[in-house]
Structure formats: C-alpha cells, structure tokens
C-alpha cells in the first residue's frame, strides 16, 4: 500500500529477516 507521498519509499529485507524502509533514491545512488 503506497500513498502518493510514499511512492518514493521501498522496502528491503535485512539479513536478519526484518523489514526495513529505505528511500528509492538511495537505491538509485
């Protein structure tokens, strides 16, 4: 579920299996 404001954010799974939120801009760098 993403709002217009939240589309710049994504999720990734850490090695521990916990879900953490990071910005898509960070992934592009």
PDB file of N, CA and C in Angstrom:
ATOM      1  N   UNK A   1       0.825  -1.201   0.000  1.00  0.00           N
ATOM      2  CA  UNK A   1       0.000   0.000   0.000  1.00  0.00           C
ATOM      3  C   UNK A   1       0.857   1.247   0.000  1.00  0.00           C
ATOM      4  N   UNK A   2       0.791   1.996  -1.049  1.00  0.00           N
ATOM      5  CA  UNK A   2       1.597   3.215  -1.117  1.00  0.00           C
ATOM      6  C   UNK A   2       0.704   4.416  -1.378  1.00  0.00           C
ATOM      7  N   UNK A   3       0.945   5.478  -0.673  1.00  0.00           N
ATOM      8  CA  UNK A   3       0.250   6.721  -0.984  1.00  0.00           C
ATOM      9  C   UNK A   3       1.106   7.482  -1.981  1.00  0.00           C
ATOM     10  N   UNK A   4       0.585   8.562  -2.523  1.00  0.00           N
ATOM     11  CA  UNK A   4       1.374   9.360  -3.466  1.00  0.00           C
ATOM     12  C   UNK A   4       2.658   9.812  -2.796  1.00  0.00           C
ATOM     13  N   UNK A   5       2.546  10.107  -1.517  1.00  0.00           N
ATOM     14  CA  UNK A   5       3.686  10.604  -0.775  1.00  0.00           C
ATOM     15  C   UNK A   5       4.677   9.482  -0.514  1.00  0.00           C
ATOM     16  N   UNK A   6       4.183   8.250  -0.457  1.00  0.00           N
ATOM     17  CA  UNK A   6       5.031   7.135  -0.059  1.00  0.00           C
ATOM     18  C   UNK A   6       5.643   6.386  -1.221  1.00  0.00           C
ATOM     19  N   UNK A   7       5.377   6.809  -2.452  1.00  0.00           N
ATOM     20  CA  UNK A   7       5.891   6.061  -3.600  1.00  0.00           C
ATOM     21  C   UNK A   7       7.397   6.153  -3.707  1.00  0.00           C
ATOM     22  N   UNK A   8       7.994   7.142  -3.076  1.00  0.00           N
ATOM     23  CA  UNK A   8       9.444   7.287  -3.149  1.00  0.00           C
ATOM     24  C   UNK A   8      10.131   6.348  -2.177  1.00  0.00           C
ATOM     25  N   UNK A   9       9.328   5.583  -1.433  1.00  0.00           N
ATOM     26  CA  UNK A   9       9.902   4.665  -0.450  1.00  0.00           C
ATOM     27  C   UNK A   9       9.724   3.218  -0.870  1.00  0.00           C
ATOM     28  N   UNK A  10      10.667   2.390  -0.501  1.00  0.00           N
ATOM     29  CA  UNK A  10      10.575   0.962  -0.797  1.00  0.00           C
ATOM     30  C   UNK A  10      10.933   0.179   0.443  1.00  0.00           C
ATOM     31  N   UNK A  11      10.867  -1.138   0.346  1.00  0.00           N
ATOM     32  CA  UNK A  11      11.226  -1.964   1.497  1.00  0.00           C
ATOM     33  C   UNK A  11      12.303  -2.960   1.090  1.00  0.00           C
ATOM     34  N   UNK A  12      13.121  -3.330   2.010  1.00  0.00           N
ATOM     35  CA  UNK A  12      14.084  -4.388   1.731  1.00  0.00           C
ATOM     36  C   UNK A  12      14.224  -5.254   2.970  1.00  0.00           C
ATOM     37  N   UNK A  13      14.602  -6.478   2.763  1.00  0.00           N
ATOM     38  CA  UNK A  13      14.742  -7.396   3.885  1.00  0.00           C
ATOM     39  C   UNK A  13      16.198  -7.438   4.322  1.00  0.00           C
ATOM     40  N   UNK A  14      16.442  -7.183   5.565  1.00  0.00           N
ATOM     41  CA  UNK A  14      17.802  -7.255   6.075  1.00  0.00           C
ATOM     42  C   UNK A  14      18.196  -8.709   6.271  1.00  0.00           C
ATOM     43  N   UNK A  15      19.463  -8.941   6.514  1.00  0.00           N
ATOM     44  CA  UNK A  15      19.951 -10.313   6.664  1.00  0.00           C
ATOM     45  C   UNK A  15      19.289 -10.992   7.858  1.00  0.00           C
ATOM     46  N   UNK A  16      18.816 -10.197   8.795  1.00  0.00           N
ATOM     47  CA  UNK A  16      18.162 -10.772   9.971  1.00  0.00           C
ATOM     48  C   UNK A  16      16.714 -11.116   9.670  1.00  0.00           C
ATOM     49  N   UNK A  17      16.244 -10.706   8.489  1.00  0.00           N
ATOM     50  CA  UNK A  17      14.884 -11.039   8.097  1.00  0.00           C
ATOM     51  C   UNK A  17      13.889  -9.949   8.459  1.00  0.00           C
ATOM     52  N   UNK A  18      14.381  -8.883   9.076  1.00  0.00           N
ATOM     53  CA  UNK A  18      13.480  -7.794   9.451  1.00  0.00           C
ATOM     54  C   UNK A  18      13.281  -6.862   8.269  1.00  0.00           C
ATOM     55  N   UNK A  19      12.083  -6.349   8.152  1.00  0.00           N
ATOM     56  CA  UNK A  19      11.815  -5.432   7.043  1.00  0.00           C
ATOM     57  C   UNK A  19      12.213  -4.026   7.439  1.00  0.00           C
ATOM     58  N   UNK A  20      13.002  -3.391   6.609  1.00  0.00           N
ATOM     59  CA  UNK A  20      13.397  -2.015   6.892  1.00  0.00           C
ATOM     60  C   UNK A  20      13.000  -1.148   5.711  1.00  0.00           C
ATOM     61  N   UNK A  21      12.722   0.102   5.981  1.00  0.00           N
ATOM     62  CA  UNK A  21      12.272   1.005   4.927  1.00  0.00           C
ATOM     63  C   UNK A  21      13.417   1.902   4.480  1.00  0.00           C
ATOM     64  N   UNK A  22      13.610   1.975   3.170  1.00  0.00           N
ATOM     65  CA  UNK A  22      14.618   2.869   2.623  1.00  0.00           C
ATOM     66  C   UNK A  22      14.028   3.611   1.440  1.00  0.00           C
ATOM     67  N   UNK A  23      14.567   4.769   1.147  1.00  0.00           N
ATOM     68  CA  UNK A  23      14.052   5.548   0.031  1.00  0.00           C
ATOM     69  C   UNK A  23      14.561   4.987  -1.280  1.00  0.00           C
ATOM     70  N   UNK A  24      13.771   5.074  -2.321  1.00  0.00           N
ATOM     71  CA  UNK A  24      14.165   4.568  -3.630  1.00  0.00           C
ATOM     72  C   UNK A  24      15.339   5.368  -4.165  1.00  0.00           C
ATOM     73  N   UNK A  25      15.417   6.633  -3.792  1.00  0.00           N
ATOM     74  CA  UNK A  25      16.524   7.476  -4.239  1.00  0.00           C
ATOM     75  C   UNK A  25      17.842   6.911  -3.750  1.00  0.00           C
ATOM     76  N   UNK A  26      17.817   6.300  -2.573  1.00  0.00           N
ATOM     77  CA  UNK A  26      19.033   5.716  -2.013  1.00  0.00           C
ATOM     78  C   UNK A  26      19.459   4.517  -2.841  1.00  0.00           C
ATOM     79  N   UNK A  27      18.485   3.779  -3.342  1.00  0.00           N
ATOM     80  CA  UNK A  27      18.797   2.600  -4.152  1.00  0.00           C
ATOM     81  C   UNK A  27      19.394   3.001  -5.485  1.00  0.00           C
ATOM     82  N   UNK A  28      18.993   4.165  -5.989  1.00  0.00           N
ATOM     83  CA  UNK A  28      19.458   4.600  -7.304  1.00  0.00           C
ATOM     84  C   UNK A  28      20.887   5.097  -7.264  1.00  0.00           C
ATOM     85  N   UNK A  29      21.364   5.471  -6.076  1.00  0.00           N
ATOM     86  CA  UNK A  29      22.719   6.020  -5.970  1.00  0.00           C
ATOM     87  C   UNK A  29      23.769   4.924  -6.079  1.00  0.00           C
TER      88      UNK A  29
END
